[in-house]
């Protein structure tokens, strides 16, 4: 089984999804609700897809805006324990490293070399459509390939799994999908890919995910449950603004 490390920031208002707060109608509180919902969806999908869930979290003192008495692990457990089918099987460990690439590299290398894990995947809690089917499919791919990458828009990745370590220094430099592929090939490793899935980090990302969730609900198809619930509760919708699309809130309509 693949160990799936979900690299989670403390669920603190102002510390998560800052680009959405700056560029969309979402407040810091709204962004925190959305982040927690996506975290629940990705962690439940990981367990349902047969992955070994590792919540790899940043200490509160490493994130601006966290209160002095805030405990990241306790806050994450408050979000996840009631939502997971097997909360006792989830591991919680602190991230180590100054950069995202460094933290992924430290976690991945430690698990592969020190704990003899067969494969390790690194994901953020911002990929709500990464469901149990995709988790299971990626686990099958990593059995025959050394590295499996899940591309998303703007050259980013929503998923990266490794059966062997690579040189992780600046490995997520944009375009991350190309940089990670080059690092893997430089190490003599085979690379395979998953289907493209949206993430939620920017205004354009949020437009795509809100439109997709609302369309799937209207078509009575499966959606990431908690993410869809928060989108509905916040009244988010996609509005045509001139030649572009923006996210609006039903409460702001005149």
Protein backbone atom coordinates (compact mmCIF):
# COMPACT_ATOMS: atom_id res chain seq x y z
CA UNK A 1 0.00 0.00 0.00
CA UNK A 2 1.12 3.55 -0.70
CA UNK A 3 1.60 5.89 2.24
CA UNK A 4 -0.23 9.08 1.29
CA UNK A 5 1.22 12.13 3.03
CA UNK A 6 -1.31 14.96 3.11
CA UNK A 7 0.79 18.09 3.70
CA UNK A 8 -1.57 20.17 5.80
CA UNK A 9 -1.27 23.71 7.08
CA UNK A 10 -2.85 24.58 10.44
CA UNK A 11 -6.56 25.31 9.86
CA UNK A 12 -6.22 28.91 11.05
CA UNK A 13 -8.08 31.87 9.59
CA UNK A 14 -5.64 33.88 7.53
CA UNK A 15 -3.14 31.04 7.22
CA UNK A 16 -4.83 28.98 4.48
CA UNK A 17 -5.79 29.79 0.87
CA UNK A 18 -4.46 33.38 1.04
CA UNK A 19 -4.77 33.94 -2.72
CA UNK A 20 -8.50 33.27 -2.56
CA UNK A 21 -8.96 35.74 0.28
CA UNK A 22 -7.07 38.37 -1.73
CA UNK A 23 -8.86 37.85 -5.06
CA UNK A 24 -12.35 36.41 -4.41
CA UNK A 25 -15.35 37.22 -2.20
CA UNK A 26 -14.17 34.64 0.36
CA UNK A 27 -13.28 35.97 3.80
CA UNK A 28 -10.54 34.41 5.92
CA UNK A 29 -13.24 32.46 7.77
CA UNK A 30 -14.79 31.26 4.49
CA UNK A 31 -11.40 30.15 3.17
CA UNK A 32 -10.72 28.23 6.36
CA UNK A 33 -14.08 26.44 6.09
CA UNK A 34 -13.33 25.50 2.48
CA UNK A 35 -9.83 24.30 3.37
CA UNK A 36 -11.14 22.09 6.18
CA UNK A 37 -13.80 20.64 3.85
CA UNK A 38 -11.24 19.76 1.18
CA UNK A 39 -8.98 18.28 3.87
CA UNK A 40 -11.81 15.99 4.99
CA UNK A 41 -12.60 14.95 1.42
CA UNK A 42 -9.00 14.09 0.54
CA UNK A 43 -8.34 12.21 3.78
CA UNK A 44 -11.53 10.15 3.57
CA UNK A 45 -10.77 9.38 -0.09
CA UNK A 46 -7.25 8.27 0.84
CA UNK A 47 -8.51 5.74 3.37
CA UNK A 48 -11.34 4.60 1.09
CA UNK A 49 -8.85 4.11 -1.75
CA UNK A 50 -6.64 1.86 0.33
CA UNK A 51 -3.88 4.35 1.09
CA UNK A 52 -2.13 4.61 4.44
CA UNK A 53 -3.03 8.11 5.60
CA UNK A 54 -0.28 10.31 7.03
CA UNK A 55 -1.35 13.83 8.01
CA UNK A 56 1.96 15.64 7.68
CA UNK A 57 1.39 18.98 9.34
CA UNK A 58 3.21 22.24 9.88
CA UNK A 59 3.69 23.40 13.43
CA UNK A 60 1.59 26.43 14.31
CA UNK A 61 4.64 28.60 15.03
CA UNK A 62 5.73 28.11 11.41
CA UNK A 63 2.56 29.76 10.13
CA UNK A 64 1.70 33.43 10.53
CA UNK A 65 -1.58 34.10 12.30
CA UNK A 66 -1.70 31.03 14.54
CA UNK A 67 -2.48 31.84 18.19
CA UNK A 68 0.24 31.23 20.78
CA UNK A 69 -1.73 28.42 22.45
CA UNK A 70 -2.79 26.79 19.17
CA UNK A 71 -1.87 23.13 18.70
CA UNK A 72 -1.90 22.05 15.07
CA UNK A 73 -2.30 18.31 15.60
CA UNK A 74 -5.21 18.79 18.00
CA UNK A 75 -6.94 21.15 15.56
CA UNK A 76 -6.50 18.73 12.66
CA UNK A 77 -7.81 15.85 14.75
CA UNK A 78 -10.85 17.94 15.64
CA UNK A 79 -11.56 18.30 11.93
CA UNK A 80 -10.82 14.70 10.91
CA UNK A 81 -11.61 12.29 13.74
CA UNK A 82 -15.39 12.33 13.31
CA UNK A 83 -15.15 12.30 9.51
CA UNK A 84 -12.76 9.38 8.96
CA UNK A 85 -13.99 5.79 8.90
CA UNK A 86 -10.80 4.70 10.67
CA UNK A 87 -9.43 7.70 12.60
CA UNK A 88 -7.21 5.43 14.70
CA UNK A 89 -5.33 4.33 11.57
CA UNK A 90 -4.34 7.87 10.56
CA UNK A 91 -0.81 8.93 11.47
CA UNK A 92 0.12 12.50 12.39
CA UNK A 93 3.68 13.73 12.00
CA UNK A 94 5.33 17.16 11.89
CA UNK A 95 6.76 18.41 8.60
CA UNK A 96 10.46 19.25 8.51
CA UNK A 97 11.91 21.73 6.03
CA UNK A 98 11.94 25.39 5.04
CA UNK A 99 10.28 25.00 1.62
CA UNK A 100 7.43 22.89 0.28
CA UNK A 101 9.86 20.87 -1.86
CA UNK A 102 12.10 20.38 1.15
CA UNK A 103 9.22 19.19 3.32
CA UNK A 104 8.06 16.74 0.64
CA UNK A 105 11.61 15.52 0.20
CA UNK A 106 12.25 15.03 3.90
CA UNK A 107 9.00 13.15 4.45
CA UNK A 108 9.36 11.00 1.33
CA UNK A 109 13.02 10.13 1.82
CA UNK A 110 12.54 9.31 5.50
CA UNK A 111 9.63 6.97 4.81
CA UNK A 112 11.34 5.22 1.89
CA UNK A 113 14.79 4.86 3.42
CA UNK A 114 14.21 4.77 7.17
CA UNK A 115 10.81 3.10 7.44
CA UNK A 116 11.12 0.91 4.33
CA UNK A 117 7.83 2.04 2.82
CA UNK A 118 7.35 0.72 -0.70
CA UNK A 119 6.00 4.02 -2.04
CA UNK A 120 5.04 7.46 -0.76
CA UNK A 121 2.67 9.99 -2.27
CA UNK A 122 2.63 13.69 -1.41
CA UNK A 123 -0.52 15.77 -1.86
CA UNK A 124 -2.04 19.00 -0.59
CA UNK A 125 -5.56 19.26 0.86
CA UNK A 126 -6.54 21.38 -2.16
CA UNK A 127 -7.44 18.63 -4.63
CA UNK A 128 -11.07 17.82 -3.78
CA UNK A 129 -11.67 15.67 -6.87
CA UNK A 130 -8.86 13.25 -6.03
CA UNK A 131 -11.22 10.44 -5.04
CA UNK A 132 -10.90 6.84 -3.96
CA UNK A 133 -10.75 5.62 -7.57
CA UNK A 134 -7.81 7.87 -8.42
CA UNK A 135 -6.01 6.98 -5.18
CA UNK A 136 -6.39 3.28 -5.97
CA UNK A 137 -5.36 3.72 -9.61
CA UNK A 138 -2.22 5.66 -8.62
CA UNK A 139 -1.29 2.92 -6.16
CA UNK A 140 -1.43 0.42 -9.03
CA UNK A 141 0.72 2.64 -11.27
CA UNK A 142 3.46 3.08 -8.67
CA UNK A 143 3.91 -0.70 -8.56
CA UNK A 144 5.31 -0.63 -12.09
CA UNK A 145 6.76 2.90 -12.26
CA UNK A 146 9.20 4.68 -9.97
CA UNK A 147 7.38 8.02 -9.99
CA UNK A 148 3.72 8.86 -10.64
CA UNK A 149 2.63 12.46 -11.18
CA UNK A 150 -0.82 14.00 -11.34
CA UNK A 151 -0.78 17.17 -13.47
CA UNK A 152 -3.07 20.11 -12.99
CA UNK A 153 -3.32 23.54 -14.64
CA UNK A 154 -0.42 26.00 -15.00
CA UNK A 155 2.15 23.20 -14.93
CA UNK A 156 1.44 22.32 -11.30
CA UNK A 157 0.88 18.86 -9.85
CA UNK A 158 -1.94 17.66 -7.62
CA UNK A 159 -0.22 14.36 -6.75
CA UNK A 160 3.34 13.05 -6.72
CA UNK A 161 4.26 9.51 -5.68
CA UNK A 162 7.72 8.04 -5.38
CA UNK A 163 9.04 4.51 -5.05
CA UNK A 164 12.59 5.88 -5.06
CA UNK A 165 13.91 9.25 -3.83
CA UNK A 166 14.91 12.00 -6.25
CA UNK A 167 16.83 15.24 -5.79
CA UNK A 168 14.08 17.26 -4.12
CA UNK A 169 15.91 20.60 -3.94
CA UNK A 170 13.65 23.08 -5.79
CA UNK A 171 11.89 20.05 -7.30
CA UNK A 172 8.55 21.88 -7.38
CA UNK A 173 9.96 24.83 -9.32
CA UNK A 174 7.41 25.86 -11.94
CA UNK A 175 6.39 24.12 -14.10
CA UNK A 176 6.45 21.50 -11.35
CA UNK A 177 5.26 18.63 -13.52
CA UNK A 178 8.21 19.14 -15.88
CA UNK A 179 10.74 19.78 -13.11
CA UNK A 180 9.73 16.65 -11.19
CA UNK A 181 9.83 14.60 -14.38
CA UNK A 182 13.33 15.86 -15.18
CA UNK A 183 14.55 15.06 -11.66
CA UNK A 184 13.13 11.55 -11.91
CA UNK A 185 14.64 10.91 -15.33
CA UNK A 186 18.00 12.32 -14.20
CA UNK A 187 17.93 9.67 -11.46
CA UNK A 188 17.23 6.96 -14.04
CA UNK A 189 13.63 6.49 -12.88
CA UNK A 190 10.50 5.67 -14.89
CA UNK A 191 7.64 8.19 -14.76
CA UNK A 192 3.91 7.64 -15.26
CA UNK A 193 1.02 10.06 -15.05
CA UNK A 194 -2.47 10.31 -13.65
CA UNK A 195 -5.38 12.20 -15.24
CA UNK A 196 -5.42 15.97 -14.85
CA UNK A 197 -7.54 17.18 -11.92
CA UNK A 198 -8.30 20.70 -10.67
CA UNK A 199 -6.86 22.18 -7.50
CA UNK A 200 -8.09 25.13 -5.44
CA UNK A 201 -5.34 27.69 -4.90
CA UNK A 202 -6.16 30.67 -7.12
CA UNK A 203 -9.24 32.56 -8.27
CA UNK A 204 -9.17 30.76 -11.62
CA UNK A 205 -8.95 27.43 -9.79
CA UNK A 206 -11.98 28.30 -7.70
CA UNK A 207 -13.97 29.21 -10.82
CA UNK A 208 -13.25 25.78 -12.29
CA UNK A 209 -14.11 23.85 -9.13
CA UNK A 210 -17.30 25.78 -8.31
CA UNK A 211 -18.56 25.33 -11.86
CA UNK A 212 -17.68 21.64 -11.81
CA UNK A 213 -19.31 20.98 -8.44
CA UNK A 214 -22.51 22.82 -9.38
CA UNK A 215 -22.68 20.99 -12.72
CA UNK A 216 -22.20 17.58 -11.12
CA UNK A 217 -24.85 18.31 -8.51
CA UNK A 218 -27.31 19.39 -11.21
CA UNK A 219 -26.54 16.20 -13.16
CA UNK A 220 -26.95 14.13 -9.96
CA UNK A 221 -23.39 12.83 -10.14
CA UNK A 222 -20.89 12.18 -7.36
CA UNK A 223 -19.14 15.17 -5.85
CA UNK A 224 -16.58 15.66 -3.05
CA UNK A 225 -19.19 15.80 -0.32
CA UNK A 226 -17.74 18.27 2.17
CA UNK A 227 -16.36 20.60 -0.50
CA UNK A 228 -19.75 20.68 -2.22
CA UNK A 229 -21.47 21.34 1.10
CA UNK A 230 -19.31 24.37 1.86
CA UNK A 231 -19.65 25.75 -1.68
CA UNK A 232 -23.42 25.52 -1.24
CA UNK A 233 -23.41 27.01 2.25
CA UNK A 234 -21.26 29.94 1.12
CA UNK A 235 -23.54 30.49 -1.87
CA UNK A 236 -20.71 30.40 -4.40
CA UNK A 237 -21.49 30.52 -8.09
CA UNK A 238 -19.67 31.39 -11.33
CA UNK A 239 -20.56 34.70 -12.94
CA UNK A 240 -19.74 35.93 -16.43
CA UNK A 241 -17.87 39.20 -15.99
CA UNK A 242 -17.18 40.74 -19.37
CA UNK A 243 -15.01 38.30 -21.29
CA UNK A 244 -14.01 36.38 -18.15
CA UNK A 245 -15.51 34.37 -15.32
CA UNK A 246 -15.48 35.21 -11.64
CA UNK A 247 -16.79 33.63 -8.44
CA UNK A 248 -19.70 35.40 -6.81
CA UNK A 249 -21.87 34.85 -3.76
CA UNK A 250 -25.64 34.69 -3.87
CA UNK A 251 -25.80 36.88 -0.77
CA UNK A 252 -24.14 39.71 -2.72
CA UNK A 253 -26.65 39.67 -5.55
CA UNK A 254 -28.82 42.77 -5.68
